[in-house]
C-alpha atoms as a PDB file:
ATOM      1  CA  UNK A   1     -17.066 -10.128   8.837  1.00  0.00           C
ATOM      2  CA  UNK A   2     -14.790 -10.188   5.808  1.00  0.00           C
ATOM      3  CA  UNK A   3     -12.638  -7.877   3.732  1.00  0.00           C
ATOM      4  CA  UNK A   4     -13.916  -7.381   0.220  1.00  0.00           C
ATOM      5  CA  UNK A   5     -11.683  -7.342  -2.835  1.00  0.00           C
ATOM      6  CA  UNK A   6     -12.147  -6.616  -6.484  1.00  0.00           C
ATOM      7  CA  UNK A   7     -10.150  -7.647  -9.537  1.00  0.00           C
ATOM      8  CA  UNK A   8      -7.864  -5.217 -11.361  1.00  0.00           C
ATOM      9  CA  UNK A   9      -5.836  -5.661 -14.512  1.00  0.00           C
ATOM     10  CA  UNK A  10      -2.258  -4.415 -14.348  1.00  0.00           C
ATOM     11  CA  UNK A  11       0.683  -4.369 -16.669  1.00  0.00           C
ATOM     12  CA  UNK A  12       4.261  -5.181 -15.727  1.00  0.00           C
ATOM     13  CA  UNK A  13       6.087  -1.836 -15.288  1.00  0.00           C
ATOM     14  CA  UNK A  14       9.439  -3.580 -15.787  1.00  0.00           C
ATOM     15  CA  UNK A  15       8.298  -5.133 -19.071  1.00  0.00           C
ATOM     16  CA  UNK A  16       5.771  -3.087 -21.029  1.00  0.00           C
ATOM     17  CA  UNK A  17       5.516  -5.853 -23.653  1.00  0.00           C
ATOM     18  CA  UNK A  18       4.466  -8.540 -21.148  1.00  0.00           C
ATOM     19  CA  UNK A  19       0.780  -9.425 -21.164  1.00  0.00           C
ATOM     20  CA  UNK A  20      -1.308  -7.805 -18.460  1.00  0.00           C
ATOM     21  CA  UNK A  21      -2.430  -9.939 -15.531  1.00  0.00           C
ATOM     22  CA  UNK A  22      -5.331  -9.803 -13.090  1.00  0.00           C
ATOM     23  CA  UNK A  23      -4.805  -9.185  -9.367  1.00  0.00           C
ATOM     24  CA  UNK A  24      -6.906  -8.953  -6.216  1.00  0.00           C
ATOM     25  CA  UNK A  25      -7.187  -5.456  -4.716  1.00  0.00           C
ATOM     26  CA  UNK A  26      -8.761  -4.553  -1.357  1.00  0.00           C
ATOM     27  CA  UNK A  27     -12.000  -2.582  -1.530  1.00  0.00           C
ATOM     28  CA  UNK A  28     -12.059   0.035   1.220  1.00  0.00           C
ATOM     29  CA  UNK A  29     -15.351   0.188   3.052  1.00  0.00           C
ATOM     30  CA  UNK A  30     -14.688   3.593   4.598  1.00  0.00           C
ATOM     31  CA  UNK A  31     -12.378   5.528   6.863  1.00  0.00           C
ATOM     32  CA  UNK A  32     -12.116   5.922  10.611  1.00  0.00           C
ATOM     33  CA  UNK A  33     -10.514   9.156  11.753  1.00  0.00           C
ATOM     34  CA  UNK A  34      -8.414   9.797  14.846  1.00  0.00           C
ATOM     35  CA  UNK A  35     -11.353  11.204  16.835  1.00  0.00           C
ATOM     36  CA  UNK A  36     -13.464   8.138  16.063  1.00  0.00           C
ATOM     37  CA  UNK A  37     -10.618   5.874  17.191  1.00  0.00           C
ATOM     38  CA  UNK A  38     -10.306   7.938  20.383  1.00  0.00           C
ATOM     39  CA  UNK A  39     -14.034   7.514  21.022  1.00  0.00           C
ATOM     40  CA  UNK A  40     -13.820   3.738  20.541  1.00  0.00           C
ATOM     41  CA  UNK A  41     -10.859   3.503  22.931  1.00  0.00           C
ATOM     42  CA  UNK A  42     -12.652   5.717  25.463  1.00  0.00           C
ATOM     43  CA  UNK A  43     -15.695   3.429  25.271  1.00  0.00           C
ATOM     44  CA  UNK A  44     -13.409   0.513  26.216  1.00  0.00           C
ATOM     45  CA  UNK A  45     -11.681   2.276  29.102  1.00  0.00           C
ATOM     46  CA  UNK A  46     -12.145   4.709  31.963  1.00  0.00           C
ATOM     47  CA  UNK A  47     -10.618   7.551  29.958  1.00  0.00           C
ATOM     48  CA  UNK A  48     -12.720  10.337  28.502  1.00  0.00           C
ATOM     49  CA  UNK A  49     -12.725  10.792  24.721  1.00  0.00           C
ATOM     50  CA  UNK A  50     -10.683  13.997  25.185  1.00  0.00           C
ATOM     51  CA  UNK A  51      -8.086  12.262  27.364  1.00  0.00           C
ATOM     52  CA  UNK A  52      -7.879   9.407  24.878  1.00  0.00           C
ATOM     53  CA  UNK A  53      -7.499  11.808  21.943  1.00  0.00           C
ATOM     54  CA  UNK A  54      -4.680  13.619  23.779  1.00  0.00           C
ATOM     55  CA  UNK A  55      -2.952  10.331  24.592  1.00  0.00           C
ATOM     56  CA  UNK A  56      -3.179   9.195  20.960  1.00  0.00           C
ATOM     57  CA  UNK A  57      -1.831  12.541  19.720  1.00  0.00           C
ATOM     58  CA  UNK A  58       1.101  12.352  22.149  1.00  0.00           C
ATOM     59  CA  UNK A  59       1.721   8.717  21.224  1.00  0.00           C
ATOM     60  CA  UNK A  60       1.943   9.637  17.530  1.00  0.00           C
ATOM     61  CA  UNK A  61       4.293  12.536  18.311  1.00  0.00           C
ATOM     62  CA  UNK A  62       6.615  10.224  20.251  1.00  0.00           C
ATOM     63  CA  UNK A  63       6.667   7.652  17.429  1.00  0.00           C
ATOM     64  CA  UNK A  64       7.510  10.374  14.907  1.00  0.00           C
ATOM     65  CA  UNK A  65      10.216  11.853  17.142  1.00  0.00           C
ATOM     66  CA  UNK A  66      11.857   8.488  17.811  1.00  0.00           C
ATOM     67  CA  UNK A  67      11.850   7.558  14.125  1.00  0.00           C
ATOM     68  CA  UNK A  68      13.425  10.937  13.314  1.00  0.00           C
ATOM     69  CA  UNK A  69      16.171  10.062  15.824  1.00  0.00           C
ATOM     70  CA  UNK A  70      16.860   6.867  13.891  1.00  0.00           C
ATOM     71  CA  UNK A  71      15.263   4.520  16.399  1.00  0.00           C
ATOM     72  CA  UNK A  72      13.111   1.501  15.676  1.00  0.00           C
ATOM     73  CA  UNK A  73       9.849   1.866  17.603  1.00  0.00           C
ATOM     74  CA  UNK A  74       8.824  -1.531  18.955  1.00  0.00           C
ATOM     75  CA  UNK A  75       5.234  -1.818  20.146  1.00  0.00           C
ATOM     76  CA  UNK A  76       5.240  -5.299  21.636  1.00  0.00           C
ATOM     77  CA  UNK A  77       3.140  -7.889  19.813  1.00  0.00           C
ATOM     78  CA  UNK A  78       1.614  -5.172  17.630  1.00  0.00           C
ATOM     79  CA  UNK A  79       4.810  -4.610  15.644  1.00  0.00           C
ATOM     80  CA  UNK A  80       7.647  -2.227  14.878  1.00  0.00           C
ATOM     81  CA  UNK A  81       7.994   0.991  12.930  1.00  0.00           C
ATOM     82  CA  UNK A  82      11.310   1.788  11.254  1.00  0.00           C
ATOM     83  CA  UNK A  83      12.678   3.921   8.448  1.00  0.00           C
ATOM     84  CA  UNK A  84      14.041   2.900   5.062  1.00  0.00           C
ATOM     85  CA  UNK A  85      15.917   5.228   2.757  1.00  0.00           C
ATOM     86  CA  UNK A  86      16.397   5.224  -0.979  1.00  0.00           C
ATOM     87  CA  UNK A  87      19.477   6.705  -2.602  1.00  0.00           C
ATOM     88  CA  UNK A  88      21.117   7.154  -5.970  1.00  0.00           C
ATOM     89  CA  UNK A  89      23.750   4.498  -6.648  1.00  0.00           C
ATOM     90  CA  UNK A  90      27.340   5.727  -6.622  1.00  0.00           C
ATOM     91  CA  UNK A  91      30.526   4.351  -8.168  1.00  0.00           C
ATOM     92  CA  UNK A  92      32.409   4.394  -4.855  1.00  0.00           C
ATOM     93  CA  UNK A  93      31.488   4.197  -1.183  1.00  0.00           C
ATOM     94  CA  UNK A  94      33.080   7.626  -0.627  1.00  0.00           C
ATOM     95  CA  UNK A  95      30.611   9.192  -3.069  1.00  0.00           C
ATOM     96  CA  UNK A  96      27.633   8.095  -0.961  1.00  0.00           C
ATOM     97  CA  UNK A  97      26.570  11.146   1.031  1.00  0.00           C
ATOM     98  CA  UNK A  98      23.374  12.523   2.476  1.00  0.00           C
ATOM     99  CA  UNK A  99      22.832  14.439  -0.782  1.00  0.00           C
ATOM    100  CA  UNK A 100      22.485  11.116  -2.613  1.00  0.00           C
ATOM    101  CA  UNK A 101      19.528  10.107  -0.427  1.00  0.00           C
ATOM    102  CA  UNK A 102      16.409  10.585  -2.526  1.00  0.00           C
ATOM    103  CA  UNK A 103      13.616   9.422  -0.252  1.00  0.00           C
ATOM    104  CA  UNK A 104      12.825   8.311   3.282  1.00  0.00           C
ATOM    105  CA  UNK A 105       9.990   5.851   3.797  1.00  0.00           C
ATOM    106  CA  UNK A 106       8.257   4.724   6.979  1.00  0.00           C
ATOM    107  CA  UNK A 107       7.967   0.961   7.312  1.00  0.00           C
ATOM    108  CA  UNK A 108       5.996  -1.310   9.606  1.00  0.00           C
ATOM    109  CA  UNK A 109       6.695  -4.927  10.483  1.00  0.00           C
ATOM    110  CA  UNK A 110       3.760  -6.619  12.204  1.00  0.00           C
ATOM    111  CA  UNK A 111       4.355  -8.364  15.492  1.00  0.00           C
ATOM    112  CA  UNK A 112       2.983 -11.760  16.457  1.00  0.00           C
ATOM    113  CA  UNK A 113      -0.489 -10.636  17.586  1.00  0.00           C
ATOM    114  CA  UNK A 114      -1.014  -8.308  14.629  1.00  0.00           C
ATOM    115  CA  UNK A 115       0.224 -10.943  12.173  1.00  0.00           C
ATOM    116  CA  UNK A 116      -2.219 -13.462  13.665  1.00  0.00           C
ATOM    117  CA  UNK A 117      -5.040 -10.963  13.095  1.00  0.00           C
ATOM    118  CA  UNK A 118      -3.909 -10.473   9.489  1.00  0.00           C
ATOM    119  CA  UNK A 119      -3.716 -14.228   8.930  1.00  0.00           C
ATOM    120  CA  UNK A 120      -7.271 -14.623  10.249  1.00  0.00           C
ATOM    121  CA  UNK A 121      -8.813 -12.164   7.760  1.00  0.00           C
ATOM    122  CA  UNK A 122     -11.391 -13.756   5.500  1.00  0.00           C
ATOM    123  CA  UNK A 123     -11.714 -12.357   1.997  1.00  0.00           C
ATOM    124  CA  UNK A 124     -14.822 -12.067  -0.130  1.00  0.00           C
ATOM    125  CA  UNK A 125     -14.932 -11.061  -3.767  1.00  0.00           C
ATOM    126  CA  UNK A 126     -16.888  -7.824  -4.219  1.00  0.00           C
ATOM    127  CA  UNK A 127     -19.929  -7.853  -6.432  1.00  0.00           C
ATOM    128  CA  UNK A 128     -19.295  -6.257  -9.804  1.00  0.00           C
ATOM    129  CA  UNK A 129     -21.823  -4.240 -11.750  1.00  0.00           C
ATOM    130  CA  UNK A 130     -22.218  -5.729 -15.181  1.00  0.00           C
END
């Protein structure tokens, strides 16, 4: 099984005059929702789909809560979730306050096992019409 990609042309947002270039872009083949994931996990375990769905929901709540507390959430070889903030630049360190924070972004760093799975992905160029 492989991940399909198509080709997209993009300009350089930092330099509008630069010539556009072509890049690979993943083609999504669909979505799997939380209930479908719960069913797959239940099929692989002794848990019922309802118990699995509840465990997943609680797991996601704990991750969110711990990130909101400022913690890095380490999930073994899967990876770590952490937060990054963006802020407006200030002339002095004393001027940096919570009001200068403009955005908070969730981040994920893959662990060893997840990175190995990413490295093993095979890519296939999607067929184009035309």
